Amino acid sequence: MRPTTLAVLGLLLAGAAQAATTIDLTAEASRPAANDMVRATVFAEASGSNAGELARRVNQDIAEGLKVIKAKPGISVKSGRQSTFPVYGQNQKIESWRIHSELILESRDAAAVSELLGQLQQMRLAVGGVSQLPSPETRRKVEDEATRDAIAAFRQRAAVVAEVLGKPYKIRHLSIQQSGQMPPMPIMRASRAMAAEAAPPVPLEAGESLVTTTVSGQVEVAD
C-alpha cells in the first residue's frame, strides 16, 4: 500500500473515531424477595487442658446433634467452621485449649427449624446465629425481574440523553451486577442452665430481602 493511501486511511479512521461521543450511564432497579429459607448455625464448644479429651467431647456433642437434625425431614445440614485455639498464659505458654465445631442447617420450613433449635438447646449445642433469606430459586426469579427493570431503565435513560442531544444512539457496552441480602440475625448463646431446661422454639419472622440489579454501560451518540 502506498504511503499516500496509508495517510488517507489514517485520516478517515481518525475522523470516524471523532464522529461519535461516548457517554457512561448507570441505572438500577430493586425488587422484594420473600425470605422463604432459614439458615441457622449451631455449635459445640469446650475448653480445658486436655485437647484430646476436648475433641472427643465436642465430636460427641456434634454427633448427637446430627442424629436429632437428620431425624427431621426437610432440613439439610452440613459442617461449618471447625477450629482449635490455644489459650496462652502470662508466660506465653499454652495453658489450655478451646475447641469449636459448627453445624449449618438450611430449610424452607421455618416452623420446623424453630422447633429444632429449641430441642438442640436442651442438649450441649448452642445457637450461633439465624438468618432468613430468599431460597436460590426465589432469588434467581427476582433477580431476573430486577434485571429486566434495570435494563429498561438504562435504555430509557440513554434515550433521554440522545433526545436532549438530538442524536441517535447505540449501546456499546453493558455490565450487570446483583446485590442485596438481609443480614443474619444473631442469637445469644444458651447458658448451661438454660440448656438443662426445656428451651422454647426460637421465634422467627420471615420478612423480605431487597434484591437490586445495577446496570452500567457506555452509550455512543453520533455527532
Protein backbone atom coordinates (compact mmCIF):
# COMPACT_ATOMS: atom_id res chain seq x y z
CA MET A 1 0.00 0.00 0.00
CA ARG A 2 1.36 3.42 -0.95
CA PRO A 3 2.28 5.99 1.73
CA THR A 4 -0.35 8.37 0.36
CA THR A 5 -3.06 5.71 0.68
CA LEU A 6 -1.99 4.93 4.26
CA ALA A 7 -2.18 8.60 5.17
CA VAL A 8 -5.66 8.95 3.73
CA LEU A 9 -6.82 5.80 5.53
CA GLY A 10 -5.41 7.15 8.79
CA LEU A 11 -7.31 10.40 8.37
CA LEU A 12 -10.54 8.54 7.65
CA LEU A 13 -10.15 6.38 10.76
CA ALA A 14 -9.37 9.41 12.90
CA GLY A 15 -12.42 11.19 11.54
CA ALA A 16 -14.63 8.15 12.27
CA ALA A 17 -13.32 7.99 15.85
CA GLN A 18 -14.18 11.66 16.34
CA ALA A 19 -17.64 11.27 14.79
CA ALA A 20 -19.23 9.86 17.98
CA THR A 21 -19.39 10.75 21.67
CA THR A 22 -19.28 8.02 24.33
CA ILE A 23 -21.34 8.55 27.47
CA ASP A 24 -21.19 6.44 30.67
CA LEU A 25 -24.58 5.67 32.22
CA THR A 26 -25.85 3.73 35.23
CA ALA A 27 -29.34 2.57 36.14
CA GLU A 28 -30.69 0.25 38.80
CA ALA A 29 -33.88 -1.49 39.85
CA SER A 30 -34.93 -3.26 43.04
CA ARG A 31 -37.48 -5.97 43.75
CA PRO A 32 -38.53 -7.52 47.07
CA ALA A 33 -37.83 -11.23 47.50
CA ALA A 34 -39.59 -13.34 50.11
CA ASN A 35 -37.27 -14.78 52.75
CA ASP A 36 -38.54 -18.31 52.24
CA MET A 37 -35.43 -20.12 53.54
CA VAL A 38 -33.94 -20.30 57.04
CA ARG A 39 -30.22 -20.79 57.70
CA ALA A 40 -29.10 -21.45 61.26
CA THR A 41 -25.76 -22.25 62.87
CA VAL A 42 -25.42 -24.39 65.98
CA PHE A 43 -22.14 -25.22 67.65
CA ALA A 44 -20.41 -27.22 70.34
CA GLU A 45 -17.51 -25.74 72.26
CA ALA A 46 -15.31 -26.90 75.11
CA SER A 47 -12.27 -25.54 76.96
CA GLY A 48 -9.66 -27.30 79.07
CA SER A 49 -6.09 -28.50 79.30
CA ASN A 50 -6.51 -31.86 77.54
CA ALA A 51 -7.00 -31.22 73.82
CA GLY A 52 -7.73 -34.85 73.06
CA GLU A 53 -10.48 -35.09 75.67
CA LEU A 54 -11.97 -31.80 74.48
CA ALA A 55 -12.06 -33.02 70.89
CA ARG A 56 -13.81 -36.21 71.99
CA ARG A 57 -16.47 -34.26 73.89
CA VAL A 58 -17.09 -31.80 71.07
CA ASN A 59 -17.27 -34.56 68.46
CA GLN A 60 -19.74 -36.48 70.62
CA ASP A 61 -21.94 -33.40 71.05
CA ILE A 62 -21.91 -32.78 67.29
CA ALA A 63 -22.70 -36.45 66.55
CA GLU A 64 -25.69 -36.38 68.94
CA GLY A 65 -26.90 -33.17 67.37
CA LEU A 66 -26.62 -34.68 63.88
CA LYS A 67 -28.85 -37.59 64.91
CA VAL A 68 -31.58 -35.18 66.03
CA ILE A 69 -31.24 -32.98 62.94
CA LYS A 70 -31.27 -35.84 60.43
CA ALA A 71 -34.43 -37.22 62.04
CA LYS A 72 -36.24 -34.04 60.94
CA PRO A 73 -37.45 -34.22 57.31
CA GLY A 74 -36.98 -31.19 55.09
CA ILE A 75 -33.89 -29.86 56.90
CA SER A 76 -30.44 -30.13 55.33
CA VAL A 77 -27.26 -29.98 57.40
CA LYS A 78 -23.57 -29.56 56.66
CA SER A 79 -20.40 -28.97 58.67
CA GLY A 80 -19.42 -25.41 59.39
CA ARG A 81 -16.32 -23.84 60.92
CA GLN A 82 -14.01 -26.16 62.85
CA SER A 83 -11.29 -24.60 64.98
CA THR A 84 -8.87 -25.31 67.83
CA PHE A 85 -7.44 -22.34 69.75
CA PRO A 86 -4.54 -22.40 72.20
CA VAL A 87 -5.03 -20.21 75.27
CA TYR A 88 -1.77 -18.61 76.41
CA GLY A 89 -0.85 -17.57 79.93
CA GLN A 90 1.23 -14.63 81.08
CA ASN A 91 4.44 -16.54 80.41
CA GLN A 92 3.37 -17.02 76.76
CA LYS A 93 3.00 -20.75 77.29
CA ILE A 94 -0.11 -22.67 76.33
CA GLU A 95 -2.25 -23.12 79.44
CA SER A 96 -5.38 -24.61 77.88
CA TRP A 97 -7.26 -25.23 74.64
CA ARG A 98 -10.62 -24.19 73.21
CA ILE A 99 -12.26 -26.34 70.53
CA HIS A 100 -15.21 -25.13 68.44
CA SER A 101 -17.28 -27.07 65.89
CA GLU A 102 -20.32 -25.88 63.91
CA LEU A 103 -23.25 -27.33 62.01
CA ILE A 104 -25.19 -25.28 59.42
CA LEU A 105 -28.89 -26.01 58.95
CA GLU A 106 -30.99 -24.92 55.98
CA SER A 107 -34.70 -25.39 55.30
CA ARG A 108 -37.73 -23.75 53.76
CA ASP A 109 -39.79 -24.89 56.78
CA ALA A 110 -39.28 -22.10 59.32
CA ALA A 111 -41.56 -23.73 61.90
CA ALA A 112 -39.56 -26.98 61.81
CA VAL A 113 -36.26 -25.12 62.21
CA SER A 114 -37.65 -23.07 65.10
CA GLU A 115 -38.76 -26.21 66.92
CA LEU A 116 -35.49 -28.00 66.17
CA LEU A 117 -33.37 -25.15 67.54
CA GLY A 118 -35.34 -25.33 70.76
CA GLN A 119 -34.57 -29.04 71.01
CA LEU A 120 -30.87 -28.60 70.25
CA GLN A 121 -30.53 -26.02 73.00
CA GLN A 122 -31.64 -28.67 75.50
CA MET A 123 -28.50 -30.56 74.53
CA ARG A 124 -24.92 -29.33 74.70
CA LEU A 125 -25.33 -27.36 71.46
CA ALA A 126 -25.80 -23.60 71.32
CA VAL A 127 -27.28 -21.41 68.60
CA GLY A 128 -24.68 -19.21 66.96
CA GLY A 129 -26.92 -17.30 64.58
CA VAL A 130 -30.02 -17.42 62.42
CA SER A 131 -30.74 -15.70 59.12
CA GLN A 132 -33.74 -15.77 56.83
CA LEU A 133 -33.10 -15.21 53.17
CA PRO A 134 -34.54 -15.99 49.75
CA SER A 135 -34.04 -19.54 48.54
CA PRO A 136 -31.82 -19.87 45.43
CA GLU A 137 -34.88 -20.44 43.23
CA THR A 138 -36.72 -17.40 44.60
CA ARG A 139 -33.63 -15.21 44.36
CA ARG A 140 -32.94 -16.17 40.73
CA LYS A 141 -36.53 -15.40 39.75
CA VAL A 142 -36.48 -11.98 41.43
CA GLU A 143 -33.01 -11.21 40.03
CA ASP A 144 -34.34 -11.87 36.52
CA GLU A 145 -37.25 -9.48 37.13
CA ALA A 146 -34.95 -6.80 38.56
CA THR A 147 -32.56 -7.25 35.63
CA ARG A 148 -35.37 -6.64 33.12
CA ASP A 149 -36.38 -3.50 35.01
CA ALA A 150 -32.79 -2.22 35.25
CA ILE A 151 -32.07 -2.75 31.54
CA ALA A 152 -35.33 -0.99 30.64
CA ALA A 153 -34.33 1.91 32.91
CA PHE A 154 -30.89 2.04 31.27
CA ARG A 155 -32.40 2.17 27.78
CA GLN A 156 -34.83 4.88 28.87
CA ARG A 157 -32.00 6.96 30.32
CA ALA A 158 -29.94 6.52 27.15
CA ALA A 159 -32.94 7.61 25.06
CA VAL A 160 -33.37 10.74 27.20
CA VAL A 161 -29.72 11.70 26.71
CA ALA A 162 -29.93 11.11 22.97
CA GLU A 163 -33.17 13.11 22.76
CA VAL A 164 -31.63 16.07 24.58
CA LEU A 165 -28.64 15.98 22.24
CA GLY A 166 -30.86 15.43 19.23
CA LYS A 167 -28.74 12.49 18.05
CA PRO A 168 -29.27 8.76 17.54
CA TYR A 169 -27.56 6.38 19.95
CA LYS A 170 -26.42 2.80 20.30
CA ILE A 171 -25.31 0.78 23.31
CA ARG A 172 -21.64 -0.17 23.19
CA HIS A 173 -21.15 -1.97 26.50
CA LEU A 174 -23.20 -3.25 29.44
CA SER A 175 -22.18 -4.55 32.89
CA ILE A 176 -24.77 -6.14 35.19
CA GLN A 177 -24.34 -6.63 38.95
CA GLN A 178 -26.69 -8.05 41.57
CA SER A 179 -26.71 -7.21 45.26
CA GLY A 180 -28.90 -7.13 48.32
CA GLN A 181 -29.44 -9.59 51.15
CA MET A 182 -30.95 -9.45 54.60
CA PRO A 183 -28.17 -9.60 57.23
CA PRO A 184 -28.04 -12.52 59.69
CA MET A 185 -29.88 -12.06 63.00
CA PRO A 186 -27.52 -13.01 65.85
CA ILE A 187 -28.89 -15.03 68.76
CA MET A 188 -27.25 -15.18 72.18
CA ARG A 189 -25.67 -18.48 73.10
CA ALA A 190 -27.64 -20.54 75.58
CA SER A 191 -26.10 -20.92 79.00
CA ARG A 192 -25.61 -24.32 80.67
CA ALA A 193 -28.52 -23.55 83.00
CA MET A 194 -30.80 -22.73 80.08
CA ALA A 195 -29.69 -25.84 78.22
CA ALA A 196 -30.70 -28.00 81.15
CA GLU A 197 -34.27 -26.71 80.93
CA ALA A 198 -36.79 -27.14 78.13
CA ALA A 199 -35.89 -24.39 75.67
CA PRO A 200 -38.89 -22.93 73.79
CA PRO A 201 -38.89 -22.72 69.98
CA VAL A 202 -36.84 -19.83 68.58
CA PRO A 203 -39.21 -17.10 67.27
CA LEU A 204 -38.69 -16.42 63.54
CA GLU A 205 -40.19 -13.73 61.31
CA ALA A 206 -39.55 -14.14 57.58
CA GLY A 207 -39.97 -10.69 56.04
CA GLU A 208 -38.38 -9.79 52.72
CA SER A 209 -34.98 -9.01 51.25
CA LEU A 210 -34.44 -6.30 48.67
CA VAL A 211 -32.69 -7.60 45.55
CA THR A 212 -31.05 -4.89 43.44
CA THR A 213 -29.69 -5.09 39.90
CA THR A 214 -27.30 -2.36 38.72
CA VAL A 215 -26.65 -1.89 35.01
CA SER A 216 -23.65 0.19 33.97
CA GLY A 217 -22.55 0.77 30.41
CA GLN A 218 -21.49 3.04 27.60
CA VAL A 219 -23.73 4.67 25.06
CA GLU A 220 -22.38 6.05 21.79
CA VAL A 221 -24.12 9.18 20.48
CA ALA A 222 -23.38 10.21 16.91
CA ASP A 223 -22.05 13.74 16.36
